[in-house]
């Protein structure tokens, strides 16, 4: 029998992870065709989550069942996932959540490299998910598609977080156990936090961007979103091309000697009450489990936030790629995205080179500072606020402040070039809050092991 899913409240969804679904399929506890039929039904009822559903998904599922019956199916074959609408998929067009690309978009003949790795492992693509147009917003709004909301407090209608909004909601609603998003300044972690799931920003350059529609080639990072750390880990292992045909095991780091550093300063300022309370309670649980938590100033983190807010490297790159199209068809863009991209017009090439140099210096300073106090990782709230009401974005004078409030904390990691993961840390039935663990560039494996430990502690105390 296919596992059933509650879709009324975020906290009560019974959504098995990738490993659990794979085990059920391998044991033939349920058919892949039944699983995909159920999930397609949920997808059809999910307003605004998808830009398109995959033609032939049911045929692919039946083919998996035939291979399973003859013992020829791989261990992950038949597990459904979704893909953010900036990944190339053979036989489909990549529109990056836009309307304007419909004029010249081509049907792709090949998959994005990371998508190809998932296909090779037998994962099924249920559909392409909605996103902030061209991935240029932390809110998740997109006027070209039906409204999309966080799974929490749907009566009010709250931001789903962006830019990987549909990816996060497709997981949080129990449609799929995992999805591929991307993270340039928080675009995996913000929607994960706003929907009570897990989202990862890998170290820049570790996972291939070939076949992924760019926003900022110097900052973009493809990353997983999923129901748990283990499912993100499995997607990550597939995406990096190291898949050896057997399901790898994620070992926990344990608590002995783990020291978490809370960087006092900007990222701990102006927190919503719900965020402050949930984060403090989570830290107490970690300390009770034997993890050392210490707070101290870390000026380089503040400087990373300041650079993102005042001298972002993304605007110039976005204008360079979209300027000509904005001049000829700007009225077909999301007005807010158009406004943000147009700001890049005023950044000279010389100024951009200066920004690249300053970012490189921030990376050097962070790597020099990190670990000086013996810390294993940084920890602070993923987003300083709970999901804002969509109505807060109706005022053109206010929307920019809402967007930057969503992005402020996550963007710091992209400017010190680290790897980072957001875990839900709020009590069941309350506003979603993310706890973010971050490490320097290249420490992704250690980050996953630590995150698995922290997740187990938080889950044990969630009741």
Protein backbone atom coordinates (compact mmCIF):
# COMPACT_ATOMS: atom_id res chain seq x y z
CA UNK A 1 0.00 0.00 0.00
CA UNK A 2 1.35 3.41 -0.96
CA UNK A 3 2.16 5.61 2.06
CA UNK A 4 -0.58 8.19 2.53
CA UNK A 5 0.01 11.86 3.14
CA UNK A 6 -1.80 14.50 5.15
CA UNK A 7 -1.70 17.85 3.43
CA UNK A 8 -3.60 20.04 5.88
CA UNK A 9 -0.77 21.28 8.10
CA UNK A 10 2.94 21.32 7.57
CA UNK A 11 3.79 19.58 10.82
CA UNK A 12 1.50 16.57 10.33
CA UNK A 13 2.57 15.51 6.86
CA UNK A 14 3.68 11.91 6.80
CA UNK A 15 6.15 12.15 3.95
CA UNK A 16 8.72 9.35 3.87
CA UNK A 17 12.23 10.26 2.80
CA UNK A 18 14.00 9.02 -0.31
CA UNK A 19 15.61 6.09 1.51
CA UNK A 20 12.26 4.93 2.93
CA UNK A 21 10.42 5.19 -0.38
CA UNK A 22 13.23 3.36 -2.14
CA UNK A 23 13.07 0.55 0.42
CA UNK A 24 9.32 0.22 -0.03
CA UNK A 25 9.67 0.06 -3.79
CA UNK A 26 12.51 -2.47 -3.58
CA UNK A 27 10.49 -4.68 -1.23
CA UNK A 28 7.51 -4.34 -3.61
CA UNK A 29 5.33 -3.11 -0.76
CA UNK A 30 3.68 -0.85 -3.35
CA UNK A 31 3.98 -0.34 -7.09
CA UNK A 32 5.79 2.61 -8.59
CA UNK A 33 2.75 3.23 -10.80
CA UNK A 34 0.51 3.56 -7.74
CA UNK A 35 3.02 5.86 -6.03
CA UNK A 36 3.34 8.15 -9.04
CA UNK A 37 -0.41 8.18 -9.66
CA UNK A 38 -0.98 9.28 -6.08
CA UNK A 39 1.69 11.98 -6.27
CA UNK A 40 0.42 13.29 -9.61
CA UNK A 41 -3.00 13.61 -8.02
CA UNK A 42 -1.50 15.74 -5.25
CA UNK A 43 0.39 17.76 -7.84
CA UNK A 44 -2.74 18.54 -9.81
CA UNK A 45 -4.36 19.89 -6.65
CA UNK A 46 -1.34 22.03 -5.73
CA UNK A 47 -2.03 25.58 -6.89
CA UNK A 48 0.95 27.45 -8.25
CA UNK A 49 3.52 24.79 -7.37
CA UNK A 50 4.33 23.58 -10.89
CA UNK A 51 5.06 25.27 -14.17
CA UNK A 52 4.48 21.92 -15.89
CA UNK A 53 4.06 18.24 -15.11
CA UNK A 54 6.11 15.61 -16.91
CA UNK A 55 4.50 13.95 -19.90
CA UNK A 56 4.84 10.21 -19.70
CA UNK A 57 5.45 10.03 -15.93
CA UNK A 58 2.95 7.17 -15.59
CA UNK A 59 4.52 5.26 -18.48
CA UNK A 60 7.93 5.66 -16.85
CA UNK A 61 6.54 4.38 -13.55
CA UNK A 62 5.03 1.30 -15.20
CA UNK A 63 8.38 0.61 -16.86
CA UNK A 64 10.02 0.71 -13.42
CA UNK A 65 7.54 -1.85 -12.14
CA UNK A 66 8.39 -4.16 -15.04
CA UNK A 67 12.11 -3.86 -14.34
CA UNK A 68 11.49 -4.38 -10.65
CA UNK A 69 9.58 -7.60 -11.38
CA UNK A 70 12.58 -9.00 -13.27
CA UNK A 71 15.12 -7.87 -10.68
CA UNK A 72 16.70 -5.31 -13.03
CA UNK A 73 15.73 -2.09 -11.20
CA UNK A 74 18.34 -0.06 -9.33
CA UNK A 75 17.97 0.64 -5.61
CA UNK A 76 16.62 4.19 -6.06
CA UNK A 77 14.71 3.55 -9.27
CA UNK A 78 11.19 4.92 -9.27
CA UNK A 79 11.53 7.49 -6.49
CA UNK A 80 9.79 10.69 -7.70
CA UNK A 81 11.42 14.12 -7.42
CA UNK A 82 10.77 17.58 -8.82
CA UNK A 83 13.08 20.03 -10.58
CA UNK A 84 13.21 23.81 -10.37
CA UNK A 85 12.33 25.37 -13.71
CA UNK A 86 15.92 26.37 -14.48
CA UNK A 87 17.27 22.86 -15.05
CA UNK A 88 17.53 21.60 -18.61
CA UNK A 89 15.60 18.36 -19.13
CA UNK A 90 15.80 16.62 -22.47
CA UNK A 91 12.61 17.00 -24.46
CA UNK A 92 11.52 20.08 -22.47
CA UNK A 93 12.01 23.84 -22.59
CA UNK A 94 13.71 25.73 -19.75
CA UNK A 95 11.90 29.00 -19.01
CA UNK A 96 13.30 29.86 -15.56
CA UNK A 97 9.86 30.94 -14.39
CA UNK A 98 9.54 33.54 -17.14
CA UNK A 99 7.24 34.40 -19.99
CA UNK A 100 9.79 36.31 -22.04
CA UNK A 101 11.94 33.24 -22.78
CA UNK A 102 9.06 31.63 -24.66
CA UNK A 103 10.11 33.65 -27.72
CA UNK A 104 13.43 31.90 -28.15
CA UNK A 105 13.55 28.91 -25.80
CA UNK A 106 14.49 25.64 -27.47
CA UNK A 107 13.47 22.10 -26.58
CA UNK A 108 16.54 20.69 -24.86
CA UNK A 109 18.30 17.70 -26.37
CA UNK A 110 20.23 16.86 -23.19
CA UNK A 111 19.75 17.03 -19.45
CA UNK A 112 21.60 19.38 -17.17
CA UNK A 113 24.58 17.43 -15.91
CA UNK A 114 23.23 16.95 -12.38
CA UNK A 115 19.80 16.01 -13.77
CA UNK A 116 21.44 13.38 -15.93
CA UNK A 117 23.01 11.82 -12.86
CA UNK A 118 19.57 11.54 -11.23
CA UNK A 119 18.12 10.04 -14.40
CA UNK A 120 20.93 7.49 -14.53
CA UNK A 121 20.04 6.39 -10.99
CA UNK A 122 16.43 5.86 -12.05
CA UNK A 123 14.74 8.75 -10.24
CA UNK A 124 11.51 9.91 -11.90
CA UNK A 125 10.89 13.58 -12.65
CA UNK A 126 7.35 14.49 -11.69
CA UNK A 127 7.45 18.03 -12.98
CA UNK A 128 9.08 21.45 -13.17
CA UNK A 129 8.48 23.68 -10.16
CA UNK A 130 7.58 27.34 -9.95
CA UNK A 131 10.23 29.84 -8.90
CA UNK A 132 10.95 33.54 -8.60
CA UNK A 133 11.44 34.70 -12.18
CA UNK A 134 15.07 34.07 -13.19
CA UNK A 135 15.74 33.14 -9.55
CA UNK A 136 16.08 36.83 -8.62
CA UNK A 137 14.10 37.12 -5.39
CA UNK A 138 14.06 35.59 -1.93
CA UNK A 139 10.28 35.86 -1.63
CA UNK A 140 9.06 33.27 -4.14
CA UNK A 141 6.53 35.48 -5.88
CA UNK A 142 5.90 35.03 -9.61
CA UNK A 143 3.11 36.97 -11.34
CA UNK A 144 3.22 34.71 -14.41
CA UNK A 145 1.67 31.75 -12.56
CA UNK A 146 -1.08 31.07 -10.06
CA UNK A 147 -0.32 32.38 -6.55
CA UNK A 148 1.92 30.16 -4.46
CA UNK A 149 1.99 30.28 -0.67
CA UNK A 150 3.89 28.80 2.23
CA UNK A 151 2.23 25.65 3.55
CA UNK A 152 1.86 27.41 6.91
CA UNK A 153 -1.09 29.74 7.63
CA UNK A 154 -2.71 29.48 4.26
CA UNK A 155 -5.66 31.54 5.49
CA UNK A 156 -3.42 34.59 5.64
CA UNK A 157 -1.43 33.69 2.51
CA UNK A 158 2.28 33.91 3.31
CA UNK A 159 5.38 34.00 1.15
CA UNK A 160 6.73 30.58 0.19
CA UNK A 161 10.31 31.85 0.10
CA UNK A 162 12.45 32.02 -3.00
CA UNK A 163 13.70 31.55 -5.35
CA UNK A 164 13.16 27.75 -5.17
CA UNK A 165 9.58 28.25 -4.00
CA UNK A 166 7.78 25.48 -5.88
CA UNK A 167 10.54 23.00 -5.09
CA UNK A 168 10.11 23.57 -1.36
CA UNK A 169 6.31 23.49 -1.42
CA UNK A 170 6.27 20.32 -3.55
CA UNK A 171 8.24 18.65 -0.76
CA UNK A 172 6.34 20.20 2.13
CA UNK A 173 2.98 19.13 0.68
CA UNK A 174 4.12 15.51 0.49
CA UNK A 175 4.17 15.38 -3.31
CA UNK A 176 7.82 14.29 -3.44
CA UNK A 177 10.47 13.50 -0.83
CA UNK A 178 13.05 15.74 -2.51
CA UNK A 179 13.66 18.34 -5.18
CA UNK A 180 16.47 20.20 -6.92
CA UNK A 181 16.70 23.94 -6.38
CA UNK A 182 19.51 26.45 -6.61
CA UNK A 183 21.07 28.87 -4.13
CA UNK A 184 22.68 32.19 -5.09
CA UNK A 185 21.94 34.13 -1.89
CA UNK A 186 19.67 31.75 0.00
CA UNK A 187 17.31 30.35 -2.63
CA UNK A 188 17.33 26.78 -1.27
CA UNK A 189 17.50 27.67 2.42
CA UNK A 190 14.86 30.43 2.61
CA UNK A 191 11.99 28.38 1.11
CA UNK A 192 13.12 25.40 3.20
CA UNK A 193 12.85 27.52 6.35
CA UNK A 194 9.49 29.00 5.31
CA UNK A 195 8.01 25.53 4.69
CA UNK A 196 9.50 23.44 7.49
CA UNK A 197 11.85 21.27 5.42
CA UNK A 198 15.61 20.93 4.83
CA UNK A 199 17.53 22.94 2.22
CA UNK A 200 21.22 22.99 1.33
CA UNK A 201 23.65 25.46 -0.22
CA UNK A 202 26.65 23.39 -1.35
CA UNK A 203 30.13 24.85 -1.68
CA UNK A 204 30.32 26.91 -4.87
CA UNK A 205 31.75 24.95 -7.80
CA UNK A 206 31.42 21.50 -6.25
CA UNK A 207 28.26 20.59 -8.20
CA UNK A 208 28.01 21.17 -11.93
CA UNK A 209 26.11 24.18 -13.30
CA UNK A 210 26.20 22.80 -16.86
CA UNK A 211 22.67 23.03 -18.23
CA UNK A 212 21.38 25.20 -15.36
CA UNK A 213 19.96 28.60 -16.37
CA UNK A 214 22.28 31.19 -14.75
CA UNK A 215 21.58 34.16 -12.55
CA UNK A 216 25.08 34.75 -11.18
CA UNK A 217 27.73 32.43 -12.63
CA UNK A 218 30.11 33.39 -9.80
CA UNK A 219 27.62 32.58 -7.03
CA UNK A 220 25.00 30.07 -8.28
CA UNK A 221 25.02 26.65 -6.63
CA UNK A 222 22.60 23.83 -7.47
CA UNK A 223 21.33 22.25 -4.29
CA UNK A 224 18.79 19.82 -2.83
CA UNK A 225 15.65 20.41 -0.78
CA UNK A 226 14.02 17.47 0.98
CA UNK A 227 12.03 16.17 3.90
CA UNK A 228 15.15 15.35 5.91
CA UNK A 229 18.93 15.65 5.96
CA UNK A 230 19.42 12.10 4.71
CA UNK A 231 17.35 12.72 1.57
CA UNK A 232 19.34 15.89 0.83
CA UNK A 233 22.52 13.86 1.32
CA UNK A 234 21.36 11.21 -1.15
CA UNK A 235 20.44 13.80 -3.77
CA UNK A 236 23.77 15.51 -3.20
CA UNK A 237 25.67 12.27 -3.71
CA UNK A 238 23.81 11.73 -6.97
CA UNK A 239 24.37 15.30 -8.12
CA UNK A 240 28.13 15.16 -7.62
CA UNK A 241 28.44 12.19 -9.96
CA UNK A 242 29.94 9.83 -7.38
CA UNK A 243 27.00 7.43 -7.36
CA UNK A 244 28.29 3.86 -7.35
CA UNK A 245 24.96 2.02 -7.61
CA UNK A 246 24.51 1.35 -3.90
CA UNK A 247 22.70 3.61 -1.47
CA UNK A 248 25.35 5.31 0.72
CA UNK A 249 24.94 5.65 4.48
CA UNK A 250 25.07 9.05 6.18
CA UNK A 251 26.85 8.66 9.50
CA UNK A 252 26.15 11.14 12.28
CA UNK A 253 29.00 13.21 13.66
CA UNK A 254 28.07 12.61 17.30
CA UNK A 255 28.20 15.35 19.93
CA UNK A 256 31.61 14.88 21.51
CA UNK A 257 33.80 17.89 20.86
CA UNK A 258 31.18 19.68 18.73
CA UNK A 259 31.25 23.45 19.30
CA UNK A 260 28.75 25.71 17.60
CA UNK A 261 29.45 29.44 17.33
CA UNK A 262 26.62 31.97 17.22
CA UNK A 263 28.04 35.06 15.46
CA UNK A 264 26.81 38.03 17.46
CA UNK A 265 25.88 40.96 15.29
CA UNK A 266 23.67 41.60 12.28
CA UNK A 267 22.41 38.03 11.73
CA UNK A 268 21.12 37.89 15.33
CA UNK A 269 19.45 41.31 15.19
CA UNK A 270 15.81 42.25 14.55
CA UNK A 271 14.54 38.69 14.88
CA UNK A 272 10.81 38.04 14.92
CA UNK A 273 9.71 36.86 18.36
CA UNK A 274 8.79 33.44 16.97
CA UNK A 275 12.24 33.08 15.42
CA UNK A 276 14.07 34.19 18.55
CA UNK A 277 12.11 31.84 20.81
CA UNK A 278 12.31 28.78 18.55
CA UNK A 279 16.03 29.28 17.91
CA UNK A 280 16.82 29.73 21.61
CA UNK A 281 14.84 26.61 22.50
CA UNK A 282 16.69 24.64 19.81
CA UNK A 283 20.06 25.74 21.18
CA UNK A 284 19.02 24.61 24.67
CA UNK A 285 18.18 21.16 23.31
CA UNK A 286 21.55 20.96 21.58
CA UNK A 287 23.35 21.97 24.76
CA UNK A 288 21.38 19.44 26.81
CA UNK A 289 22.53 16.79 24.33
CA UNK A 290 26.19 17.64 24.94
CA UNK A 291 26.95 20.16 22.18
CA UNK A 292 28.80 23.30 23.23
CA UNK A 293 27.18 26.52 22.04
CA UNK A 294 29.02 29.82 22.39
CA UNK A 295 28.27 33.34 21.19
CA UNK A 296 30.92 35.82 20.11
CA UNK A 297 31.29 38.66 17.62
CA UNK A 298 32.43 37.73 14.11
CA UNK A 299 32.80 41.01 12.21
CA UNK A 300 33.50 39.30 8.89
CA UNK A 301 29.97 37.87 8.87
CA UNK A 302 28.57 41.36 9.40
CA UNK A 303 30.77 42.61 6.56
CA UNK A 304 29.46 39.86 4.27
CA UNK A 305 25.89 40.94 4.97
CA UNK A 306 26.83 44.55 4.40
CA UNK A 307 28.43 43.77 1.05
CA UNK A 308 25.37 41.82 -0.08
CA UNK A 309 23.09 44.70 0.87
CA UNK A 310 25.23 47.52 -0.51
CA UNK A 311 27.55 46.11 -3.21
CA UNK A 312 26.08 42.84 -4.46
CA UNK A 313 27.98 41.04 -7.21
CA UNK A 314 24.76 39.66 -8.71
CA UNK A 315 23.18 42.81 -10.16
CA UNK A 316 25.91 43.44 -12.74
CA UNK A 317 25.85 39.81 -13.88
CA UNK A 318 22.06 39.82 -14.19
CA UNK A 319 22.06 43.04 -16.22
CA UNK A 320 24.86 41.77 -18.45
CA UNK A 321 22.72 38.76 -19.39
CA UNK A 322 19.31 40.45 -19.52
CA UNK A 323 19.97 44.10 -20.42
CA UNK A 324 19.23 43.80 -24.13
CA UNK A 325 16.05 41.81 -23.51
CA UNK A 326 14.97 44.22 -20.77
CA UNK A 327 15.32 47.13 -23.19
CA UNK A 328 13.16 45.43 -25.83
CA UNK A 329 10.67 43.39 -23.76
CA UNK A 330 11.00 44.68 -20.22
CA UNK A 331 7.24 44.92 -19.81
CA UNK A 332 7.06 41.13 -19.95
CA UNK A 333 9.23 40.67 -16.86
CA UNK A 334 8.03 40.54 -13.30
CA UNK A 335 8.09 44.28 -12.47
CA UNK A 336 10.10 43.74 -9.30
CA UNK A 337 12.66 41.52 -11.03
CA UNK A 338 12.91 44.08 -13.84
CA UNK A 339 13.57 46.82 -11.30
CA UNK A 340 16.29 44.82 -9.52
CA UNK A 341 18.01 43.81 -12.75
CA UNK A 342 17.93 47.36 -14.07
CA UNK A 343 19.99 48.52 -11.12
CA UNK A 344 22.90 46.57 -12.57
CA UNK A 345 22.99 49.03 -15.49
CA UNK A 346 24.71 51.53 -13.22
CA UNK A 347 27.57 49.23 -12.16
CA UNK A 348 30.68 49.68 -14.25
CA UNK A 349 33.00 46.83 -15.19
CA UNK A 350 35.70 48.45 -13.04
CA UNK A 351 33.38 48.62 -10.05
CA UNK A 352 32.37 44.99 -10.57
CA UNK A 353 36.01 43.92 -10.57
CA UNK A 354 36.43 45.83 -7.31
CA UNK A 355 33.48 43.93 -5.86
CA UNK A 356 34.97 40.61 -6.88
CA UNK A 357 38.22 41.55 -5.16
CA UNK A 358 36.39 42.61 -2.02
CA UNK A 359 34.41 39.38 -1.95
CA UNK A 360 37.64 37.39 -2.30
CA UNK A 361 39.04 39.31 0.68
CA UNK A 362 35.94 38.47 2.73
CA UNK A 363 36.44 34.80 1.90
CA UNK A 364 40.07 35.01 3.00
CA UNK A 365 39.14 36.75 6.27
CA UNK A 366 36.39 34.27 7.05
CA UNK A 367 38.62 31.26 6.46
CA UNK A 368 41.25 32.84 8.69
CA UNK A 369 38.75 33.63 11.47
CA UNK A 370 36.74 30.42 11.35
CA UNK A 371 37.96 27.83 13.81
CA UNK A 372 40.11 30.26 15.78
CA UNK A 373 37.90 29.58 18.79
CA UNK A 374 37.69 25.86 18.13
CA UNK A 375 34.20 25.99 16.61
CA UNK A 376 32.91 23.17 14.44
CA UNK A 377 30.31 25.28 12.63
CA UNK A 378 28.39 28.53 12.77
CA UNK A 379 24.76 28.44 13.84
CA UNK A 380 22.14 31.16 13.54
CA UNK A 381 18.55 31.54 12.28
CA UNK A 382 18.15 30.87 8.56
CA UNK A 383 15.80 33.83 8.16
CA UNK A 384 15.24 36.57 10.71
CA UNK A 385 11.47 36.47 10.20
CA UNK A 386 8.64 34.01 9.84
CA UNK A 387 7.07 33.96 6.35
CA UNK A 388 5.72 37.47 5.73
CA UNK A 389 2.17 37.86 4.51
CA UNK A 390 2.03 38.25 0.72
CA UNK A 391 -0.01 41.40 1.30
CA UNK A 392 3.12 43.05 2.71
CA UNK A 393 4.56 43.05 -0.82
CA UNK A 394 1.67 44.94 -2.42
CA UNK A 395 3.23 48.34 -1.67
CA UNK A 396 5.97 49.05 -4.26
CA UNK A 397 7.81 51.10 -1.63
CA UNK A 398 7.89 48.15 0.78
CA UNK A 399 8.52 45.09 -1.37
CA UNK A 400 12.27 45.64 -1.54
CA UNK A 401 12.57 45.75 2.24
CA UNK A 402 10.58 42.53 2.55
CA UNK A 403 12.83 40.81 0.02
CA UNK A 404 16.06 41.90 1.71
CA UNK A 405 14.72 40.86 5.10
CA UNK A 406 14.17 37.36 3.71
CA UNK A 407 17.67 37.25 2.20
CA UNK A 408 19.78 38.97 4.83
CA UNK A 409 20.93 36.02 6.94
CA UNK A 410 21.38 33.44 4.21
CA UNK A 411 23.32 35.74 1.87
CA UNK A 412 26.25 36.01 4.28
CA UNK A 413 27.26 32.41 3.49
CA UNK A 414 27.35 33.12 -0.24
CA UNK A 415 29.73 36.02 0.40
CA UNK A 416 32.15 34.01 2.56
CA UNK A 417 31.75 31.14 0.07
CA UNK A 418 30.76 28.49 2.59
CA UNK A 419 28.44 25.51 2.60
CA UNK A 420 25.25 25.72 4.61
CA UNK A 421 22.11 23.80 5.56
CA UNK A 422 18.77 24.90 7.00
CA UNK A 423 16.88 22.59 9.38
CA UNK A 424 13.40 23.17 10.84
CA UNK A 425 13.60 23.94 14.56
CA UNK A 426 10.10 25.13 15.50
CA UNK A 427 7.53 23.29 17.64
CA UNK A 428 4.81 21.42 15.77
CA UNK A 429 1.88 23.54 14.66
CA UNK A 430 3.73 26.85 15.02
CA UNK A 431 5.24 29.27 12.54
CA UNK A 432 8.14 27.71 10.58
CA UNK A 433 11.65 28.65 11.70
CA UNK A 434 14.93 27.45 10.25
CA UNK A 435 18.19 26.81 12.11
CA UNK A 436 21.20 27.22 9.83
CA UNK A 437 24.54 25.44 10.15
CA UNK A 438 27.43 26.75 8.07
CA UNK A 439 31.05 25.76 7.45
CA UNK A 440 33.84 26.99 5.17
CA UNK A 441 34.03 26.07 1.50
CA UNK A 442 34.75 22.40 0.90
CA UNK A 443 33.46 21.09 4.21
CA UNK A 444 30.23 19.69 2.76
CA UNK A 445 30.75 16.12 3.97
CA UNK A 446 31.39 17.25 7.55
CA UNK A 447 28.38 19.56 7.35
CA UNK A 448 26.05 16.71 6.39
CA UNK A 449 27.30 14.54 9.27
CA UNK A 450 26.85 17.38 11.76
CA UNK A 451 23.42 18.22 10.36
CA UNK A 452 22.31 14.60 10.78
CA UNK A 453 23.32 14.79 14.46
CA UNK A 454 21.57 18.11 15.03
CA UNK A 455 18.44 16.92 13.22
CA UNK A 456 18.21 13.84 15.44
CA UNK A 457 18.47 15.97 18.57
CA UNK A 458 15.89 18.50 17.38
CA UNK A 459 13.51 15.75 16.27
CA UNK A 460 13.84 14.00 19.65
CA UNK A 461 12.83 17.19 21.41
CA UNK A 462 10.07 18.24 19.04
CA UNK A 463 7.37 16.41 20.91
